[in-house]
C-alpha atoms as a PDB file:
ATOM      1  CA  MET A   1       0.000   0.000   0.000  1.00  0.00           C
ATOM      2  CA  MET A   2       1.281   3.449  -0.901  1.00  0.00           C
ATOM      3  CA  PRO A   3       2.047   5.923   1.905  1.00  0.00           C
ATOM      4  CA  VAL A   4      -0.809   8.268   2.707  1.00  0.00           C
ATOM      5  CA  ASP A   5      -0.382  12.012   2.347  1.00  0.00           C
ATOM      6  CA  ASP A   6      -0.839  13.509   5.827  1.00  0.00           C
ATOM      7  CA  THR A   7      -1.313  17.074   4.583  1.00  0.00           C
ATOM      8  CA  PRO A   8      -4.149  18.754   6.527  1.00  0.00           C
ATOM      9  CA  LEU A   9      -7.504  18.452   4.805  1.00  0.00           C
ATOM     10  CA  PRO A  10      -8.456  21.579   2.839  1.00  0.00           C
ATOM     11  CA  ARG A  11     -11.305  23.856   3.792  1.00  0.00           C
ATOM     12  CA  PRO A  12     -14.136  24.685   1.375  1.00  0.00           C
ATOM     13  CA  PRO A  13     -13.889  27.969  -0.537  1.00  0.00           C
ATOM     14  CA  GLU A  14     -15.327  31.027   1.148  1.00  0.00           C
ATOM     15  CA  GLY A  15     -19.077  31.175   0.676  1.00  0.00           C
ATOM     16  CA  SER A  16     -19.529  27.406   0.198  1.00  0.00           C
ATOM     17  CA  THR A  17     -20.193  24.610   2.647  1.00  0.00           C
ATOM     18  CA  SER A  18     -18.402  21.756   0.867  1.00  0.00           C
ATOM     19  CA  LEU A  19     -15.497  21.129  -1.475  1.00  0.00           C
ATOM     20  CA  PHE A  20     -17.939  19.229  -3.676  1.00  0.00           C
ATOM     21  CA  GLN A  21     -20.075  22.208  -4.673  1.00  0.00           C
ATOM     22  CA  ALA A  22     -17.688  23.141  -7.482  1.00  0.00           C
ATOM     23  CA  LEU A  23     -17.995  19.664  -9.012  1.00  0.00           C
ATOM     24  CA  PHE A  24     -21.577  20.098 -10.178  1.00  0.00           C
ATOM     25  CA  ALA A  25     -22.821  22.202 -13.082  1.00  0.00           C
ATOM     26  CA  PHE A  26     -26.071  23.055 -11.264  1.00  0.00           C
ATOM     27  CA  PRO A  27     -26.797  24.242  -7.709  1.00  0.00           C
ATOM     28  CA  VAL A  28     -26.569  21.538  -5.049  1.00  0.00           C
ATOM     29  CA  SER A  29     -26.887  21.612  -1.296  1.00  0.00           C
ATOM     30  CA  ALA A  30     -23.787  20.193   0.352  1.00  0.00           C
ATOM     31  CA  CYS A  31     -22.322  19.755   3.800  1.00  0.00           C
ATOM     32  CA  GLU A  32     -19.066  18.276   5.049  1.00  0.00           C
ATOM     33  CA  LEU A  33     -17.704  17.187   8.419  1.00  0.00           C
ATOM     34  CA  ARG A  34     -14.180  16.545   9.632  1.00  0.00           C
ATOM     35  CA  GLY A  35     -14.152  13.994  12.413  1.00  0.00           C
ATOM     36  CA  PRO A  36     -16.685  11.477  13.736  1.00  0.00           C
ATOM     37  CA  GLY A  37     -20.386  12.045  13.946  1.00  0.00           C
ATOM     38  CA  SER A  38     -22.388  11.960  17.165  1.00  0.00           C
ATOM     39  CA  PRO A  39     -24.570   8.844  17.546  1.00  0.00           C
ATOM     40  CA  GLN A  40     -26.752  10.819  19.970  1.00  0.00           C
ATOM     41  CA  ALA A  41     -27.790  13.072  17.076  1.00  0.00           C
ATOM     42  CA  LEU A  42     -29.278  10.189  15.071  1.00  0.00           C
ATOM     43  CA  LEU A  43     -33.048  10.006  14.770  1.00  0.00           C
ATOM     44  CA  PRO A  44     -34.607   6.999  16.553  1.00  0.00           C
ATOM     45  CA  ALA A  45     -35.397   5.139  13.322  1.00  0.00           C
ATOM     46  CA  GLU A  46     -31.850   5.702  12.078  1.00  0.00           C
ATOM     47  CA  ARG A  47     -30.400   4.440  15.350  1.00  0.00           C
ATOM     48  CA  ASP A  48     -32.628   1.356  15.246  1.00  0.00           C
ATOM     49  CA  SER A  49     -31.353   0.506  11.755  1.00  0.00           C
ATOM     50  CA  LEU A  50     -27.825   0.081  13.162  1.00  0.00           C
ATOM     51  CA  HIS A  51     -28.598  -2.785  15.516  1.00  0.00           C
ATOM     52  CA  GLY A  52     -25.416  -4.789  16.088  1.00  0.00           C
ATOM     53  CA  ALA A  53     -23.092  -2.330  14.352  1.00  0.00           C
ATOM     54  CA  VAL A  54     -19.639  -1.709  15.834  1.00  0.00           C
ATOM     55  CA  PRO A  55     -18.897   1.754  17.339  1.00  0.00           C
ATOM     56  CA  ALA A  56     -16.683   2.828  14.418  1.00  0.00           C
ATOM     57  CA  ARG A  57     -19.448   2.072  11.922  1.00  0.00           C
ATOM     58  CA  ILE A  58     -22.005   3.904  14.063  1.00  0.00           C
ATOM     59  CA  ALA A  59     -19.779   7.008  14.215  1.00  0.00           C
ATOM     60  CA  GLU A  60     -19.268   6.891  10.434  1.00  0.00           C
ATOM     61  CA  PHE A  61     -22.991   6.481   9.840  1.00  0.00           C
ATOM     62  CA  ALA A  62     -23.748   9.368  12.213  1.00  0.00           C
ATOM     63  CA  ALA A  63     -21.298  11.626  10.370  1.00  0.00           C
ATOM     64  CA  GLY A  64     -22.956  10.849   7.064  1.00  0.00           C
ATOM     65  CA  ARG A  65     -26.447  11.405   8.424  1.00  0.00           C
ATOM     66  CA  HIS A  66     -25.358  14.706  10.005  1.00  0.00           C
ATOM     67  CA  CYS A  67     -24.103  15.961   6.634  1.00  0.00           C
ATOM     68  CA  ALA A  68     -27.160  14.655   4.783  1.00  0.00           C
ATOM     69  CA  HIS A  69     -29.622  16.229   7.203  1.00  0.00           C
ATOM     70  CA  GLN A  70     -27.809  19.562   7.079  1.00  0.00           C
ATOM     71  CA  ALA A  71     -27.899  19.514   3.277  1.00  0.00           C
ATOM     72  CA  LEU A  72     -31.580  18.551   3.229  1.00  0.00           C
ATOM     73  CA  GLN A  73     -32.565  21.163   5.808  1.00  0.00           C
ATOM     74  CA  ALA A  74     -30.929  23.853   3.676  1.00  0.00           C
ATOM     75  CA  LEU A  75     -33.452  22.868   0.986  1.00  0.00           C
ATOM     76  CA  GLY A  76     -36.404  23.023   3.359  1.00  0.00           C
ATOM     77  CA  VAL A  77     -36.706  19.354   4.362  1.00  0.00           C
ATOM     78  CA  ALA A  78     -37.750  18.928   8.000  1.00  0.00           C
ATOM     79  CA  ALA A  79     -35.061  17.830  10.453  1.00  0.00           C
ATOM     80  CA  ASP A  80     -37.195  14.947  11.755  1.00  0.00           C
ATOM     81  CA  VAL A  81     -37.388  13.092   8.410  1.00  0.00           C
ATOM     82  CA  PRO A  82     -35.235   9.968   8.887  1.00  0.00           C
ATOM     83  CA  LEU A  83     -32.741   8.898   6.245  1.00  0.00           C
ATOM     84  CA  LEU A  84     -32.897   5.120   6.329  1.00  0.00           C
ATOM     85  CA  ARG A  85     -30.970   2.444   4.445  1.00  0.00           C
ATOM     86  CA  GLY A  86     -31.953   0.244   1.545  1.00  0.00           C
ATOM     87  CA  PRO A  87     -31.104  -3.458   1.234  1.00  0.00           C
ATOM     88  CA  HIS A  88     -27.615  -2.640  -0.039  1.00  0.00           C
ATOM     89  CA  ARG A  89     -26.961  -0.008   2.662  1.00  0.00           C
ATOM     90  CA  GLU A  90     -27.726   2.797   0.215  1.00  0.00           C
ATOM     91  CA  PRO A  91     -29.359   5.916   1.721  1.00  0.00           C
ATOM     92  CA  LEU A  92     -33.068   6.208   0.972  1.00  0.00           C
ATOM     93  CA  TRP A  93     -33.624   9.882   0.170  1.00  0.00           C
ATOM     94  CA  PRO A  94     -36.995  11.564   0.752  1.00  0.00           C
ATOM     95  CA  ALA A  95     -39.345  11.645  -2.231  1.00  0.00           C
ATOM     96  CA  GLY A  96     -38.411  14.426  -4.633  1.00  0.00           C
ATOM     97  CA  TRP A  97     -34.714  14.485  -3.736  1.00  0.00           C
ATOM     98  CA  VAL A  98     -31.547  12.761  -4.924  1.00  0.00           C
ATOM     99  CA  GLY A  99     -28.287  12.697  -3.023  1.00  0.00           C
ATOM    100  CA  SER A 100     -25.088  10.945  -2.084  1.00  0.00           C
ATOM    101  CA  ILE A 101     -22.817  10.496   0.938  1.00  0.00           C
ATOM    102  CA  THR A 102     -19.091   9.758   1.094  1.00  0.00           C
ATOM    103  CA  HIS A 103     -16.752   8.847   3.954  1.00  0.00           C
ATOM    104  CA  THR A 104     -12.997   8.613   4.169  1.00  0.00           C
ATOM    105  CA  THR A 105     -10.592   8.925   7.083  1.00  0.00           C
ATOM    106  CA  GLY A 106     -11.206  12.260   8.800  1.00  0.00           C
ATOM    107  CA  TYR A 107     -13.702  13.512   6.230  1.00  0.00           C
ATOM    108  CA  CYS A 108     -17.372  13.035   5.372  1.00  0.00           C
ATOM    109  CA  ALA A 109     -19.633  14.880   2.941  1.00  0.00           C
ATOM    110  CA  ALA A 110     -23.149  14.762   1.533  1.00  0.00           C
ATOM    111  CA  VAL A 111     -24.661  16.408  -1.541  1.00  0.00           C
ATOM    112  CA  VAL A 112     -28.392  16.748  -2.265  1.00  0.00           C
ATOM    113  CA  ALA A 113     -30.380  18.168  -5.186  1.00  0.00           C
ATOM    114  CA  PRO A 114     -34.019  18.217  -6.276  1.00  0.00           C
ATOM    115  CA  ALA A 115     -34.947  15.219  -8.420  1.00  0.00           C
ATOM    116  CA  SER A 116     -35.956  17.737 -11.080  1.00  0.00           C
ATOM    117  CA  ALA A 117     -32.299  18.799 -11.418  1.00  0.00           C
ATOM    118  CA  CYS A 118     -30.948  15.351 -12.296  1.00  0.00           C
ATOM    119  CA  ALA A 119     -31.935  11.691 -12.342  1.00  0.00           C
ATOM    120  CA  GLY A 120     -29.122  10.668 -10.022  1.00  0.00           C
ATOM    121  CA  LEU A 121     -25.914  11.922  -8.477  1.00  0.00           C
ATOM    122  CA  GLY A 122     -22.971  10.433  -6.648  1.00  0.00           C
ATOM    123  CA  ILE A 123     -19.870  11.650  -4.827  1.00  0.00           C
ATOM    124  CA  ASP A 124     -16.747  10.012  -3.484  1.00  0.00           C
ATOM    125  CA  ALA A 125     -13.653  11.212  -1.597  1.00  0.00           C
ATOM    126  CA  GLU A 126     -10.483   9.162  -1.218  1.00  0.00           C
ATOM    127  CA  HIS A 127      -7.037   9.844   0.199  1.00  0.00           C
ATOM    128  CA  CYS A 128      -4.443   9.864  -2.555  1.00  0.00           C
ATOM    129  CA  GLY A 129      -2.017   6.982  -2.171  1.00  0.00           C
ATOM    130  CA  ARG A 130      -4.471   4.391  -0.904  1.00  0.00           C
ATOM    131  CA  VAL A 131      -5.113   2.786  -4.277  1.00  0.00           C
ATOM    132  CA  GLY A 132      -1.769   1.036  -4.608  1.00  0.00           C
ATOM    133  CA  PRO A 133      -0.576  -0.992  -7.625  1.00  0.00           C
ATOM    134  CA  GLU A 134      -1.387  -4.262  -5.873  1.00  0.00           C
ATOM    135  CA  LEU A 135      -5.087  -3.321  -6.184  1.00  0.00           C
ATOM    136  CA  TRP A 136      -5.058  -2.206  -9.804  1.00  0.00           C
ATOM    137  CA  PRO A 137      -5.840  -5.577 -11.440  1.00  0.00           C
ATOM    138  CA  MET A 138      -9.057  -5.759  -9.392  1.00  0.00           C
ATOM    139  CA  LEU A 139     -10.082  -2.188 -10.205  1.00  0.00           C
ATOM    140  CA  PHE A 140      -8.948  -1.286 -13.714  1.00  0.00           C
ATOM    141  CA  ASP A 141      -9.028  -2.786 -17.193  1.00  0.00           C
ATOM    142  CA  ALA A 142      -6.184  -2.910 -19.720  1.00  0.00           C
ATOM    143  CA  SER A 143      -6.902   0.548 -21.137  1.00  0.00           C
ATOM    144  CA  GLU A 144      -6.826   2.142 -17.686  1.00  0.00           C
ATOM    145  CA  LEU A 145      -3.647   0.284 -16.737  1.00  0.00           C
ATOM    146  CA  ALA A 146      -2.016   1.612 -19.905  1.00  0.00           C
ATOM    147  CA  GLN A 147      -3.013   5.153 -18.925  1.00  0.00           C
ATOM    148  CA  LEU A 148      -1.543   4.711 -15.458  1.00  0.00           C
ATOM    149  CA  HIS A 149       1.762   3.261 -16.654  1.00  0.00           C
ATOM    150  CA  SER A 150       2.191   6.149 -19.100  1.00  0.00           C
ATOM    151  CA  LEU A 151       2.477   8.661 -16.228  1.00  0.00           C
ATOM    152  CA  GLN A 152       5.194   9.573 -13.762  1.00  0.00           C
ATOM    153  CA  PRO A 153       4.814   7.941 -10.303  1.00  0.00           C
ATOM    154  CA  LEU A 154       3.108  10.848  -8.491  1.00  0.00           C
ATOM    155  CA  ALA A 155       0.619  11.510 -11.288  1.00  0.00           C
ATOM    156  CA  ARG A 156       0.072   7.770 -11.662  1.00  0.00           C
ATOM    157  CA  ASP A 157      -0.869   7.349  -7.991  1.00  0.00           C
ATOM    158  CA  ARG A 158      -3.216  10.318  -8.144  1.00  0.00           C
ATOM    159  CA  LEU A 159      -4.917   9.171 -11.333  1.00  0.00           C
ATOM    160  CA  ALA A 160      -5.427   5.711  -9.812  1.00  0.00           C
ATOM    161  CA  THR A 161      -7.192   7.336  -6.859  1.00  0.00           C
ATOM    162  CA  VAL A 162      -9.284   9.546  -9.146  1.00  0.00           C
ATOM    163  CA  LEU A 163     -10.378   6.597 -11.301  1.00  0.00           C
ATOM    164  CA  PHE A 164     -11.330   4.599  -8.201  1.00  0.00           C
ATOM    165  CA  ALA A 165     -13.273   7.535  -6.690  1.00  0.00           C
ATOM    166  CA  ALA A 166     -15.039   8.264  -9.975  1.00  0.00           C
ATOM    167  CA  LYS A 167     -16.169   4.645 -10.321  1.00  0.00           C
ATOM    168  CA  GLU A 168     -17.548   4.780  -6.778  1.00  0.00           C
ATOM    169  CA  ALA A 169     -19.337   8.067  -7.532  1.00  0.00           C
ATOM    170  CA  PHE A 170     -20.788   6.753 -10.791  1.00  0.00           C
ATOM    171  CA  PHE A 171     -22.058   3.596  -9.060  1.00  0.00           C
ATOM    172  CA  LYS A 172     -23.853   5.732  -6.476  1.00  0.00           C
ATOM    173  CA  SER A 173     -25.376   7.885  -9.228  1.00  0.00           C
ATOM    174  CA  HIS A 174     -26.735   5.015 -11.336  1.00  0.00           C
ATOM    175  CA  PHE A 175     -27.675   2.385  -8.746  1.00  0.00           C
ATOM    176  CA  ARG A 176     -31.077   3.823  -7.818  1.00  0.00           C
ATOM    177  CA  LEU A 177     -31.908   3.889 -11.543  1.00  0.00           C
ATOM    178  CA  SER A 178     -30.320   0.688 -12.815  1.00  0.00           C
ATOM    179  CA  GLY A 179     -30.354  -1.563  -9.756  1.00  0.00           C
ATOM    180  CA  ALA A 180     -27.147  -3.087 -11.145  1.00  0.00           C
ATOM    181  CA  MET A 181     -24.430  -4.271  -8.755  1.00  0.00           C
ATOM    182  CA  THR A 182     -21.385  -3.830 -10.990  1.00  0.00           C
ATOM    183  CA  GLU A 183     -17.699  -4.623 -10.540  1.00  0.00           C
ATOM    184  CA  PHE A 184     -15.004  -1.980 -10.928  1.00  0.00           C
ATOM    185  CA  THR A 185     -13.688  -3.708 -14.036  1.00  0.00           C
ATOM    186  CA  ASP A 186     -17.147  -3.593 -15.651  1.00  0.00           C
ATOM    187  CA  MET A 187     -16.378  -0.032 -16.728  1.00  0.00           C
ATOM    188  CA  ALA A 188     -13.387   1.948 -17.944  1.00  0.00           C
ATOM    189  CA  LEU A 189     -12.683   5.668 -17.660  1.00  0.00           C
ATOM    190  CA  ARG A 190     -10.213   8.165 -19.035  1.00  0.00           C
ATOM    191  CA  PRO A 191      -9.678  11.912 -18.607  1.00  0.00           C
ATOM    192  CA  THR A 192     -11.171  13.974 -21.426  1.00  0.00           C
ATOM    193  CA  ALA A 193      -8.010  16.103 -21.564  1.00  0.00           C
ATOM    194  CA  PRO A 194      -4.331  15.628 -20.629  1.00  0.00           C
ATOM    195  CA  TRP A 195      -3.968  14.671 -16.974  1.00  0.00           C
ATOM    196  CA  ALA A 196      -4.421  17.657 -14.660  1.00  0.00           C
ATOM    197  CA  GLU A 197      -5.455  18.227 -11.064  1.00  0.00           C
ATOM    198  CA  GLN A 198      -9.065  18.799 -12.061  1.00  0.00           C
ATOM    199  CA  GLY A 199     -11.174  17.940 -15.047  1.00  0.00           C
ATOM    200  CA  ARG A 200     -13.729  15.584 -16.516  1.00  0.00           C
ATOM    201  CA  LEU A 201     -13.707  11.858 -17.158  1.00  0.00           C
ATOM    202  CA  GLU A 202     -15.186   9.913 -20.060  1.00  0.00           C
ATOM    203  CA  LEU A 203     -16.793   6.503 -19.756  1.00  0.00           C
ATOM    204  CA  ILE A 204     -15.142   4.526 -22.563  1.00  0.00           C
ATOM    205  CA  ARG A 205     -16.585   1.112 -21.696  1.00  0.00           C
ATOM    206  CA  VAL A 206     -19.628   0.004 -19.702  1.00  0.00           C
ATOM    207  CA  GLY A 207     -20.430  -3.699 -19.657  1.00  0.00           C
ATOM    208  CA  ASP A 208     -23.970  -3.800 -18.244  1.00  0.00           C
ATOM    209  CA  ALA A 209     -26.745  -2.590 -20.574  1.00  0.00           C
ATOM    210  CA  ARG A 210     -28.715  -1.073 -17.681  1.00  0.00           C
ATOM    211  CA  VAL A 211     -25.670   0.922 -16.579  1.00  0.00           C
ATOM    212  CA  ALA A 212     -24.837   1.867 -20.172  1.00  0.00           C
ATOM    213  CA  ALA A 213     -28.241   3.531 -20.436  1.00  0.00           C
ATOM    214  CA  CYS A 214     -27.294   5.751 -17.490  1.00  0.00           C
ATOM    215  CA  ALA A 215     -23.772   6.303 -18.812  1.00  0.00           C
ATOM    216  CA  ARG A 216     -25.160   7.872 -21.988  1.00  0.00           C
ATOM    217  CA  HIS A 217     -26.619  10.627 -19.790  1.00  0.00           C
ATOM    218  CA  ALA A 218     -23.739  10.960 -17.322  1.00  0.00           C
ATOM    219  CA  THR A 219     -21.114  13.565 -16.510  1.00  0.00           C
ATOM    220  CA  LEU A 220     -18.113  12.718 -14.315  1.00  0.00           C
ATOM    221  CA  ARG A 221     -15.869  15.354 -12.771  1.00  0.00           C
ATOM    222  CA  TYR A 222     -12.890  15.194 -10.426  1.00  0.00           C
ATOM    223  CA  ALA A 223     -10.566  17.499  -8.496  1.00  0.00           C
ATOM    224  CA  LEU A 224      -7.541  17.050  -6.262  1.00  0.00           C
ATOM    225  CA  GLN A 225      -7.827  19.036  -3.018  1.00  0.00           C
ATOM    226  CA  GLY A 226      -4.827  18.683  -0.732  1.00  0.00           C
ATOM    227  CA  PRO A 227      -4.521  14.963   0.124  1.00  0.00           C
ATOM    228  CA  LEU A 228      -8.004  14.170  -1.204  1.00  0.00           C
ATOM    229  CA  ALA A 229      -9.238  13.068  -4.595  1.00  0.00           C
ATOM    230  CA  LEU A 230     -12.854  14.140  -5.060  1.00  0.00           C
ATOM    231  CA  ALA A 231     -15.167  12.792  -7.751  1.00  0.00           C
ATOM    232  CA  SER A 232     -18.751  13.552  -8.730  1.00  0.00           C
ATOM    233  CA  ALA A 233     -21.108  11.815 -11.117  1.00  0.00           C
ATOM    234  CA  THR A 234     -24.389  13.146 -12.463  1.00  0.00           C
ATOM    235  CA  VAL A 235     -26.940  11.181 -14.436  1.00  0.00           C
ATOM    236  CA  HIS A 236     -28.931  13.799 -16.339  1.00  0.00           C
ATOM    237  CA  HIS A 237     -32.527  13.507 -17.440  1.00  0.00           C
ATOM    238  CA  THR A 238     -31.364  14.038 -21.030  1.00  0.00           C
ATOM    239  CA  ALA A 239     -28.010  13.566 -22.706  1.00  0.00           C
ATOM    240  CA  PRO A 240     -25.501  16.214 -21.514  1.00  0.00           C
ATOM    241  CA  ALA A 241     -24.139  18.750 -23.976  1.00  0.00           C
ATOM    242  CA  ALA A 242     -20.811  17.812 -25.532  1.00  0.00           C
END
């Protein structure tokens, strides 16, 4: 495993509440938290859904629910509306809203938008350096491996993290629509421009027909922020402009 960058996590730009707000082309409500969440702040139904969970998982869940509730309340959703889990541990958003939650060490964020703004959205944050070469065969196909090996070591490690985060974000964006449980190697991505610290990604291969239908209407963006790689995925109601 590659060493993890211990640079302090960045703060969101002035006037925003999350680093993720710049990764969407339309207004979203977002919130982020550094550190664990408070289990005491969970709503009763949310707490009941965690029966048997270990303390670390409860703290992670509480952090995600804190961010999600803050983002929803900013859009006028009542604070007492529980955010429960589906059969695959996915958050079940209130009717009329789409959203996503991400956790990584020391950082949690949630993004929410009206369902009228997009069909689905997903976010993911990962610490650069945690997607080491020993994991690549399980995560990337031959075209992605060729991209990675064409770069210098630092850029290679960062791109590996970005590709991993973007696949996670895209899964979160399409799952509520497709219901498809895909593997990382079922899709392949590449930057739409020469590798840089922020940009867009193109889906160049999607194996599952249900996911491919979402991919035709998807936009994937990424940005490096300090030690974090951030990725967002949006499934639009209609095909995005070129």
